[in-house]
């Protein structure tokens, strides 16, 4: 059985476009890529004294369990070169599981849906570009309603690469 999963990608160190591409290529080695949002340049969230981020959301089809997918994306982050840092600090790559089908999960290592998804324009905007009709699996509220209530300042869609 396979499940559609939305992953949030973020990077603000090194060649940000190359980091996103490397993450997508590594993820799709074990899952089927269904779609990619445009890339957005965004101001840092939580700790502002660092370079701007590039953020993107991808939709994949996977047969992995949520915890196996988490283990997989964490190993991809390490392979790309992510170093331990402080919370909200700069990073080569960050891969977050935003939604995993209709799964609702809350463990010490993983919460689905992502617990801060509805607060972050840099995740909601690209997520809704992939599927504008998505609904929060816990509240039943369309994600577009959450986006309408938060500040989108500093979330800039980058031109598509040739």
N, C-alpha and C. Protein backbone atom coordinates (compact mmCIF):
# COMPACT_ATOMS: atom_id res chain seq x y z
N UNK A 1 0.84 -1.19 0.00
CA UNK A 1 0.00 0.00 0.00
C UNK A 1 0.88 1.25 0.00
N UNK A 2 0.50 2.22 -0.79
CA UNK A 2 1.27 3.47 -0.83
C UNK A 2 0.42 4.62 -0.33
N UNK A 3 1.12 5.66 0.11
CA UNK A 3 0.46 6.84 0.68
C UNK A 3 1.05 8.08 0.04
N UNK A 4 0.21 9.08 -0.19
CA UNK A 4 0.68 10.38 -0.66
C UNK A 4 1.15 11.19 0.54
N UNK A 5 2.35 11.75 0.41
CA UNK A 5 3.00 12.47 1.50
C UNK A 5 3.48 13.82 0.99
N UNK A 6 3.30 14.85 1.80
CA UNK A 6 3.85 16.18 1.49
C UNK A 6 5.04 16.42 2.39
N UNK A 7 6.17 16.77 1.77
CA UNK A 7 7.41 17.05 2.50
C UNK A 7 7.80 18.51 2.29
N UNK A 8 8.21 19.18 3.35
CA UNK A 8 8.71 20.54 3.26
C UNK A 8 10.23 20.51 3.26
N UNK A 9 10.82 21.21 2.30
CA UNK A 9 12.28 21.28 2.18
C UNK A 9 12.72 22.71 2.45
N UNK A 10 13.82 22.88 3.17
CA UNK A 10 14.35 24.21 3.43
C UNK A 10 15.86 24.17 3.47
N UNK A 11 16.49 25.25 3.00
CA UNK A 11 17.95 25.36 2.99
C UNK A 11 18.35 26.83 2.99
N UNK A 12 19.42 27.16 3.72
CA UNK A 12 19.92 28.53 3.65
C UNK A 12 21.44 28.61 3.70
N UNK A 13 22.10 27.52 3.46
CA UNK A 13 23.57 27.51 3.39
C UNK A 13 24.02 26.88 2.08
N UNK A 14 25.17 27.31 1.58
CA UNK A 14 25.72 26.72 0.37
C UNK A 14 24.89 27.06 -0.86
N UNK A 15 24.94 26.19 -1.84
CA UNK A 15 24.16 26.35 -3.07
C UNK A 15 22.74 25.86 -2.80
N UNK A 16 21.87 26.78 -2.47
CA UNK A 16 20.53 26.41 -2.02
C UNK A 16 19.74 25.62 -3.07
N UNK A 17 19.84 26.03 -4.35
CA UNK A 17 19.14 25.27 -5.39
C UNK A 17 19.67 23.85 -5.49
N UNK A 18 20.98 23.70 -5.43
CA UNK A 18 21.59 22.36 -5.51
C UNK A 18 21.18 21.52 -4.30
N UNK A 19 21.07 22.13 -3.13
CA UNK A 19 20.66 21.39 -1.93
C UNK A 19 19.24 20.85 -2.10
N UNK A 20 18.34 21.68 -2.62
CA UNK A 20 16.96 21.23 -2.83
C UNK A 20 16.93 20.09 -3.85
N UNK A 21 17.67 20.25 -4.94
CA UNK A 21 17.68 19.20 -5.97
C UNK A 21 18.25 17.90 -5.43
N UNK A 22 19.32 17.99 -4.63
CA UNK A 22 19.92 16.78 -4.06
C UNK A 22 18.94 16.08 -3.12
N UNK A 23 18.20 16.86 -2.34
CA UNK A 23 17.22 16.27 -1.44
C UNK A 23 16.12 15.56 -2.23
N UNK A 24 15.60 16.22 -3.26
CA UNK A 24 14.54 15.62 -4.07
C UNK A 24 15.03 14.34 -4.74
N UNK A 25 16.23 14.39 -5.28
CA UNK A 25 16.78 13.22 -5.95
C UNK A 25 16.95 12.06 -4.97
N UNK A 26 17.42 12.35 -3.77
CA UNK A 26 17.62 11.30 -2.77
C UNK A 26 16.29 10.73 -2.28
N UNK A 27 15.32 11.59 -2.06
CA UNK A 27 14.01 11.14 -1.58
C UNK A 27 13.35 10.24 -2.61
N UNK A 28 13.44 10.64 -3.87
CA UNK A 28 12.75 9.89 -4.91
C UNK A 28 13.46 8.59 -5.27
N UNK A 29 14.62 8.33 -4.67
CA UNK A 29 15.26 7.03 -4.84
C UNK A 29 14.42 5.94 -4.16
N UNK A 30 13.64 6.32 -3.12
CA UNK A 30 12.82 5.34 -2.42
C UNK A 30 11.33 5.60 -2.51
N UNK A 31 10.95 6.70 -3.10
CA UNK A 31 9.55 7.08 -3.23
C UNK A 31 9.34 7.69 -4.61
N UNK A 32 8.11 7.70 -5.07
CA UNK A 32 7.81 8.26 -6.38
C UNK A 32 7.43 9.73 -6.23
N UNK A 33 8.13 10.60 -6.96
CA UNK A 33 7.83 12.02 -6.95
C UNK A 33 6.56 12.26 -7.76
N UNK A 34 5.58 12.92 -7.15
CA UNK A 34 4.34 13.25 -7.84
C UNK A 34 4.32 14.69 -8.32
N UNK A 35 4.81 15.64 -7.49
CA UNK A 35 4.84 17.04 -7.90
C UNK A 35 5.76 17.84 -6.98
N UNK A 36 6.21 18.98 -7.51
CA UNK A 36 7.08 19.91 -6.78
C UNK A 36 6.48 21.30 -6.87
N UNK A 37 6.45 21.99 -5.76
CA UNK A 37 6.01 23.39 -5.78
C UNK A 37 7.13 24.25 -6.34
N UNK A 38 6.82 25.49 -6.69
CA UNK A 38 7.89 26.44 -6.97
C UNK A 38 8.74 26.64 -5.70
N UNK A 39 9.91 27.21 -5.88
CA UNK A 39 10.79 27.53 -4.75
C UNK A 39 10.48 28.94 -4.28
N UNK A 40 10.47 29.11 -2.98
CA UNK A 40 10.23 30.42 -2.36
C UNK A 40 11.44 30.83 -1.55
N UNK A 41 11.80 32.11 -1.67
CA UNK A 41 12.81 32.67 -0.79
C UNK A 41 12.08 33.29 0.39
N UNK A 42 12.53 32.95 1.58
CA UNK A 42 11.82 33.40 2.77
C UNK A 42 12.80 33.88 3.84
N UNK A 43 12.32 34.79 4.63
CA UNK A 43 13.10 35.27 5.77
C UNK A 43 13.20 34.15 6.80
N UNK A 44 14.31 34.10 7.54
CA UNK A 44 14.43 33.08 8.59
C UNK A 44 13.30 33.21 9.61
N UNK A 45 12.92 32.08 10.17
CA UNK A 45 11.83 32.01 11.14
C UNK A 45 12.41 31.51 12.45
N UNK A 46 12.17 32.22 13.53
CA UNK A 46 12.63 31.77 14.84
C UNK A 46 13.97 32.34 15.26
N UNK A 47 14.89 32.53 14.31
CA UNK A 47 16.21 33.11 14.57
C UNK A 47 16.59 33.89 13.31
N UNK A 48 16.66 35.21 13.42
CA UNK A 48 16.75 36.05 12.22
C UNK A 48 18.16 36.35 11.74
N UNK A 49 19.20 36.13 12.53
CA UNK A 49 20.56 36.50 12.15
C UNK A 49 21.21 35.38 11.33
N UNK A 50 20.66 35.17 10.13
CA UNK A 50 21.16 34.13 9.23
C UNK A 50 20.64 34.42 7.82
N UNK A 51 21.22 33.77 6.80
CA UNK A 51 20.77 34.01 5.42
C UNK A 51 19.31 33.58 5.21
N UNK A 52 18.69 34.16 4.17
CA UNK A 52 17.34 33.77 3.78
C UNK A 52 17.32 32.31 3.36
N UNK A 53 16.16 31.71 3.54
CA UNK A 53 15.96 30.32 3.16
C UNK A 53 15.36 30.21 1.76
N UNK A 54 15.61 29.09 1.11
CA UNK A 54 14.84 28.63 -0.02
C UNK A 54 13.96 27.51 0.51
N UNK A 55 12.67 27.59 0.26
CA UNK A 55 11.72 26.58 0.71
C UNK A 55 10.92 26.04 -0.46
N UNK A 56 10.56 24.78 -0.35
CA UNK A 56 9.80 24.10 -1.40
C UNK A 56 9.02 22.97 -0.75
N UNK A 57 7.89 22.62 -1.32
CA UNK A 57 7.12 21.46 -0.87
C UNK A 57 7.04 20.49 -2.03
N UNK A 58 7.23 19.22 -1.72
CA UNK A 58 7.08 18.18 -2.74
C UNK A 58 6.03 17.17 -2.26
N UNK A 59 5.40 16.55 -3.23
CA UNK A 59 4.44 15.48 -2.96
C UNK A 59 5.03 14.19 -3.52
N UNK A 60 5.09 13.18 -2.66
CA UNK A 60 5.62 11.89 -3.08
C UNK A 60 4.63 10.79 -2.72
N UNK A 61 4.78 9.68 -3.38
CA UNK A 61 4.02 8.46 -3.07
C UNK A 61 5.03 7.51 -2.44
N UNK A 62 4.73 6.98 -1.27
CA UNK A 62 5.67 6.09 -0.60
C UNK A 62 4.96 4.88 -0.01
N UNK A 63 5.69 3.79 0.12
CA UNK A 63 5.18 2.61 0.82
C UNK A 63 5.78 2.52 2.21
N UNK A 64 6.62 3.49 2.59
CA UNK A 64 7.22 3.50 3.92
C UNK A 64 6.18 3.89 4.97
N UNK A 65 6.42 3.49 6.20
CA UNK A 65 5.61 3.95 7.33
C UNK A 65 6.08 5.37 7.68
N UNK A 66 5.31 6.12 8.43
CA UNK A 66 5.76 7.46 8.82
C UNK A 66 7.12 7.46 9.53
N UNK A 67 7.33 6.55 10.47
CA UNK A 67 8.61 6.52 11.20
C UNK A 67 9.76 6.07 10.31
N UNK A 68 9.50 5.15 9.38
CA UNK A 68 10.55 4.75 8.43
C UNK A 68 10.88 5.91 7.50
N UNK A 69 9.88 6.67 7.07
CA UNK A 69 10.13 7.83 6.23
C UNK A 69 10.94 8.87 7.00
N UNK A 70 10.61 9.09 8.27
CA UNK A 70 11.39 10.03 9.08
C UNK A 70 12.85 9.61 9.14
N UNK A 71 13.09 8.34 9.39
CA UNK A 71 14.47 7.82 9.43
C UNK A 71 15.16 8.05 8.10
N UNK A 72 14.43 7.82 7.01
CA UNK A 72 14.97 8.00 5.67
C UNK A 72 15.35 9.47 5.41
N UNK A 73 14.45 10.41 5.73
CA UNK A 73 14.76 11.82 5.44
C UNK A 73 15.87 12.34 6.34
N UNK A 74 15.95 11.85 7.57
CA UNK A 74 17.05 12.28 8.46
C UNK A 74 18.38 11.78 7.92
N UNK A 75 18.42 10.57 7.35
CA UNK A 75 19.67 10.06 6.77
C UNK A 75 20.03 10.85 5.50
N UNK A 76 19.04 11.30 4.75
CA UNK A 76 19.29 12.14 3.57
C UNK A 76 19.88 13.48 4.00
N UNK A 77 19.32 14.08 5.05
CA UNK A 77 19.87 15.34 5.56
C UNK A 77 21.35 15.19 5.90
N UNK A 78 21.70 14.10 6.59
CA UNK A 78 23.09 13.87 6.97
C UNK A 78 23.96 13.64 5.74
N UNK A 79 23.46 12.88 4.77
CA UNK A 79 24.23 12.60 3.55
C UNK A 79 24.51 13.87 2.77
N UNK A 80 23.57 14.81 2.77
CA UNK A 80 23.77 16.07 2.05
C UNK A 80 24.75 16.97 2.81
N UNK A 81 24.89 16.73 4.11
CA UNK A 81 25.89 17.48 4.88
C UNK A 81 25.35 18.29 6.02
N UNK A 82 24.11 18.06 6.40
CA UNK A 82 23.55 18.81 7.53
C UNK A 82 24.35 18.52 8.80
N UNK A 83 24.67 19.58 9.50
CA UNK A 83 25.41 19.48 10.76
C UNK A 83 24.47 19.80 11.90
N UNK A 84 24.71 19.21 13.07
CA UNK A 84 23.89 19.58 14.23
C UNK A 84 24.01 21.08 14.49
N UNK A 85 22.91 21.69 14.84
CA UNK A 85 22.87 23.13 15.08
C UNK A 85 21.84 23.39 16.15
N UNK A 86 21.58 24.65 16.41
CA UNK A 86 20.56 25.01 17.38
C UNK A 86 19.21 25.12 16.68
N UNK A 87 18.13 25.10 17.47
CA UNK A 87 16.77 25.17 16.94
C UNK A 87 16.61 26.42 16.07
N UNK A 88 16.07 26.26 14.89
CA UNK A 88 15.80 27.32 13.90
C UNK A 88 17.09 27.94 13.35
N UNK A 89 18.23 27.27 13.55
CA UNK A 89 19.50 27.80 13.06
C UNK A 89 19.69 27.50 11.58
N UNK A 90 20.80 28.02 11.02
CA UNK A 90 21.09 27.79 9.60
C UNK A 90 21.34 26.31 9.32
N UNK A 91 21.02 25.90 8.09
CA UNK A 91 21.22 24.50 7.74
C UNK A 91 21.37 24.32 6.23
N UNK A 92 22.11 23.30 5.85
CA UNK A 92 22.24 22.95 4.44
C UNK A 92 20.93 22.42 3.90
N UNK A 93 20.24 21.61 4.70
CA UNK A 93 18.96 21.06 4.27
C UNK A 93 18.14 20.67 5.49
N UNK A 94 16.85 20.88 5.38
CA UNK A 94 15.89 20.45 6.39
C UNK A 94 14.74 19.82 5.63
N UNK A 95 14.35 18.63 6.02
CA UNK A 95 13.25 17.93 5.37
C UNK A 95 12.23 17.58 6.44
N UNK A 96 11.03 18.15 6.32
CA UNK A 96 9.97 17.92 7.30
C UNK A 96 8.81 17.18 6.65
N UNK A 97 8.26 16.22 7.38
CA UNK A 97 7.04 15.55 6.95
C UNK A 97 5.88 16.46 7.37
N UNK A 98 5.20 17.03 6.38
CA UNK A 98 4.09 17.94 6.66
C UNK A 98 2.78 17.18 6.84
N UNK A 99 2.48 16.34 5.86
CA UNK A 99 1.25 15.54 5.86
C UNK A 99 1.59 14.15 5.34
N UNK A 100 0.96 13.14 5.90
CA UNK A 100 1.18 11.75 5.49
C UNK A 100 -0.20 11.14 5.29
N UNK A 101 -0.74 11.35 4.07
CA UNK A 101 -2.10 10.90 3.81
C UNK A 101 -3.04 11.52 4.83
N UNK A 102 -3.86 10.70 5.45
CA UNK A 102 -4.77 11.19 6.49
C UNK A 102 -4.28 10.79 7.89
N UNK A 103 -3.03 10.36 7.98
CA UNK A 103 -2.48 9.91 9.26
C UNK A 103 -2.41 11.07 10.25
N UNK A 104 -2.78 10.79 11.48
CA UNK A 104 -2.61 11.71 12.60
C UNK A 104 -1.73 10.96 13.59
N UNK A 105 -0.58 11.56 13.92
CA UNK A 105 0.42 10.87 14.75
C UNK A 105 1.05 11.88 15.68
N UNK A 106 1.24 11.50 16.93
CA UNK A 106 1.93 12.36 17.89
C UNK A 106 2.80 11.49 18.78
N UNK A 107 4.08 11.38 18.41
CA UNK A 107 5.06 10.62 19.19
C UNK A 107 6.17 11.58 19.58
N UNK A 108 7.05 11.17 20.47
CA UNK A 108 8.18 12.05 20.83
C UNK A 108 9.07 12.42 19.64
N UNK A 109 9.14 11.55 18.64
CA UNK A 109 10.03 11.83 17.50
C UNK A 109 9.32 12.39 16.27
N UNK A 110 8.01 12.28 16.20
CA UNK A 110 7.30 12.70 15.00
C UNK A 110 5.85 13.06 15.29
N UNK A 111 5.44 14.23 14.80
CA UNK A 111 4.04 14.64 14.87
C UNK A 111 3.55 14.92 13.45
N UNK A 112 2.42 14.31 13.10
CA UNK A 112 1.79 14.51 11.80
C UNK A 112 0.32 14.81 12.05
N UNK A 113 -0.21 15.89 11.47
CA UNK A 113 0.46 16.86 10.61
C UNK A 113 1.53 17.64 11.38
N UNK A 114 2.45 18.24 10.62
CA UNK A 114 3.52 19.02 11.23
C UNK A 114 2.89 20.04 12.19
N UNK A 115 3.36 20.09 13.44
CA UNK A 115 2.67 20.91 14.44
C UNK A 115 2.67 22.42 14.19
N UNK A 116 3.61 22.93 13.41
CA UNK A 116 3.66 24.37 13.14
C UNK A 116 3.29 24.73 11.70
N UNK A 117 2.77 23.77 10.97
CA UNK A 117 2.41 23.99 9.57
C UNK A 117 1.45 25.16 9.40
N UNK A 118 0.44 25.26 10.23
CA UNK A 118 -0.58 26.29 10.03
C UNK A 118 -0.11 27.69 10.43
N UNK A 119 1.10 27.80 11.00
CA UNK A 119 1.65 29.09 11.40
C UNK A 119 2.62 29.66 10.37
N UNK A 120 3.00 28.89 9.38
CA UNK A 120 4.13 29.24 8.54
C UNK A 120 3.74 29.39 7.06
N UNK A 121 3.77 30.63 6.61
CA UNK A 121 3.46 30.90 5.21
C UNK A 121 4.43 30.19 4.28
N UNK A 122 5.68 30.07 4.69
CA UNK A 122 6.69 29.44 3.82
C UNK A 122 6.43 27.96 3.59
N UNK A 123 5.56 27.36 4.39
CA UNK A 123 5.14 25.98 4.15
C UNK A 123 3.75 25.94 3.51
N UNK A 124 2.85 26.79 3.98
CA UNK A 124 1.47 26.76 3.48
C UNK A 124 1.36 27.20 2.03
N UNK A 125 2.07 28.27 1.65
CA UNK A 125 1.95 28.77 0.27
C UNK A 125 2.35 27.70 -0.74
N UNK A 126 3.56 27.09 -0.62
CA UNK A 126 3.90 26.05 -1.61
C UNK A 126 3.03 24.80 -1.49
N UNK A 127 2.59 24.47 -0.27
CA UNK A 127 1.71 23.32 -0.10
C UNK A 127 0.41 23.52 -0.87
N UNK A 128 -0.16 24.71 -0.74
CA UNK A 128 -1.43 25.00 -1.42
C UNK A 128 -1.26 25.18 -2.92
N UNK A 129 -0.05 25.47 -3.38
CA UNK A 129 0.18 25.49 -4.84
C UNK A 129 0.04 24.08 -5.41
N UNK A 130 0.41 23.09 -4.60
CA UNK A 130 0.29 21.70 -5.07
C UNK A 130 -1.15 21.20 -4.98
N UNK A 131 -1.86 21.63 -3.94
CA UNK A 131 -3.25 21.20 -3.78
C UNK A 131 -4.02 22.26 -3.00
N UNK A 132 -4.68 23.20 -3.70
CA UNK A 132 -5.39 24.29 -3.03
C UNK A 132 -6.58 23.84 -2.18
N UNK A 133 -7.02 22.61 -2.34
CA UNK A 133 -8.20 22.11 -1.62
C UNK A 133 -7.85 21.32 -0.37
N UNK A 134 -6.58 21.23 -0.02
CA UNK A 134 -6.18 20.42 1.14
C UNK A 134 -6.85 20.91 2.42
N UNK A 135 -7.21 19.94 3.25
CA UNK A 135 -7.89 20.20 4.51
C UNK A 135 -7.05 19.62 5.65
N UNK A 136 -6.97 20.34 6.76
CA UNK A 136 -6.23 19.86 7.92
C UNK A 136 -6.89 18.58 8.44
N UNK A 137 -6.13 17.48 8.57
CA UNK A 137 -6.75 16.21 8.94
C UNK A 137 -7.30 16.17 10.37
N UNK A 138 -6.84 17.06 11.24
CA UNK A 138 -7.34 17.07 12.62
C UNK A 138 -8.55 17.98 12.76
N UNK A 139 -8.45 19.20 12.24
CA UNK A 139 -9.51 20.20 12.45
C UNK A 139 -10.58 20.19 11.37
N UNK A 140 -10.25 19.66 10.19
CA UNK A 140 -11.18 19.69 9.07
C UNK A 140 -11.26 21.05 8.39
N UNK A 141 -10.43 21.99 8.82
CA UNK A 141 -10.42 23.34 8.26
C UNK A 141 -9.52 23.36 7.02
N UNK A 142 -9.96 23.94 5.90
CA UNK A 142 -9.09 24.06 4.74
C UNK A 142 -7.82 24.85 5.08
N UNK A 143 -6.69 24.38 4.61
CA UNK A 143 -5.42 25.07 4.87
C UNK A 143 -5.45 26.50 4.34
N UNK A 144 -6.22 26.74 3.29
CA UNK A 144 -6.32 28.10 2.74
C UNK A 144 -6.87 29.07 3.79
N UNK A 145 -7.73 28.61 4.66
CA UNK A 145 -8.25 29.49 5.72
C UNK A 145 -7.16 29.85 6.73
N UNK A 146 -6.29 28.92 7.02
CA UNK A 146 -5.17 29.22 7.92
C UNK A 146 -4.23 30.24 7.25
N UNK A 147 -3.95 30.02 5.97
CA UNK A 147 -3.05 30.93 5.26
C UNK A 147 -3.60 32.34 5.23
N UNK A 148 -4.91 32.48 5.10
CA UNK A 148 -5.53 33.81 5.04
C UNK A 148 -5.34 34.60 6.33
N UNK A 149 -5.02 33.92 7.41
CA UNK A 149 -4.90 34.57 8.72
C UNK A 149 -3.47 34.89 9.14
N UNK A 150 -2.46 34.50 8.32
CA UNK A 150 -1.07 34.72 8.75
C UNK A 150 -0.34 35.67 7.80
N UNK A 151 0.74 36.22 8.30
CA UNK A 151 1.56 37.18 7.55
C UNK A 151 2.36 36.45 6.47
N UNK A 152 2.23 36.92 5.24
CA UNK A 152 2.97 36.33 4.11
C UNK A 152 4.18 37.17 3.72
N UNK A 153 4.41 38.27 4.43
CA UNK A 153 5.52 39.17 4.11
C UNK A 153 6.83 38.40 4.07
N UNK A 154 7.64 38.68 3.06
CA UNK A 154 8.96 38.06 2.96
C UNK A 154 8.96 36.68 2.34
N UNK A 155 7.81 36.22 1.84
CA UNK A 155 7.73 34.93 1.15
C UNK A 155 7.62 35.22 -0.34
N UNK A 156 8.75 35.07 -1.05
CA UNK A 156 8.86 35.51 -2.44
C UNK A 156 9.07 34.31 -3.35
N UNK A 157 8.15 34.15 -4.31
CA UNK A 157 8.29 33.07 -5.28
C UNK A 157 9.45 33.39 -6.22
N UNK A 158 10.37 32.44 -6.36
CA UNK A 158 11.50 32.63 -7.25
C UNK A 158 11.14 32.20 -8.66
N UNK A 159 11.80 32.81 -9.65
CA UNK A 159 11.53 32.38 -11.03
C UNK A 159 11.93 30.93 -11.22
N UNK A 160 11.20 30.24 -12.08
CA UNK A 160 11.53 28.84 -12.38
C UNK A 160 12.89 28.79 -13.06
N UNK A 161 13.68 27.76 -12.71
CA UNK A 161 14.97 27.59 -13.37
C UNK A 161 14.77 27.00 -14.74
N UNK A 162 15.61 27.39 -15.64
CA UNK A 162 15.54 26.86 -17.02
C UNK A 162 16.06 25.45 -17.06
